[in-house]
Amino acid sequence: MSDPFTSLDQDSNGLIEWNELPLSLRDRYPNHQNLNQRQFEHWMNILSESGDEWAFSYNQSRQWLHFIVNQTLSTSTAVDPPKTIAQPTLLLSYGPPGSGKTSIINYYLQGQNEVDHNHLVDINLDKLTRHYMNRVLNRDELFGDHEFYFKIRSKWPLLARDTLIREAIHSRRDLLIET
């Protein structure tokens, strides 16, 4: 599973360097040393317990990421994923909000038998974003605020989407991605 650490580790060297920290942490901790993932997570836990808002938010978001990935994958399979599928199916639904993407996909899925509904991983970035806004930020009322929505969507929900895609491909599940 992807981890938020890798999104902070911009040069992919396995360490979080001072210049890779969010600006709010750089300003407060100018003597920060390079940390590996275990050390970084430990530091976030210490900061969170001491009342650091950024670290608390990071930990809440990391917990949400693991929860949503595990929940989505566990509800998309009734039995162990088939490792022998010759060709998993990818369905991509693209269009503006309210254009009928979900309705068309549901209609399509009702009329065919090629996609194994028990192994279909349904990834909807709007639903992931709304879930994150509701569960982590407690700000569901701002879902309709486009500026706020896209700012939130581009971080943790996008990481969740990418993780789910990677896990679905790895486990050879049929995949539905709705933009």
Foldseek 3Di string as FASTA:
>chain_A
DDAVVCVLVVVPPQWRALVSDPPVVCVVCVPDHIDGPVRVLVVLVVCVVVPNPVSVLNVLLRVLLVVVLVVLQVQLAPDQQDPPDPAAAEAEFDDDPPPCSVVVVVVVVVPDDPADSSQEREQELLVLLLCCCCRRVVNNVCSVVVVVSVVSSVPSSVVSRVVNVVVSVVSVHHYYYYD
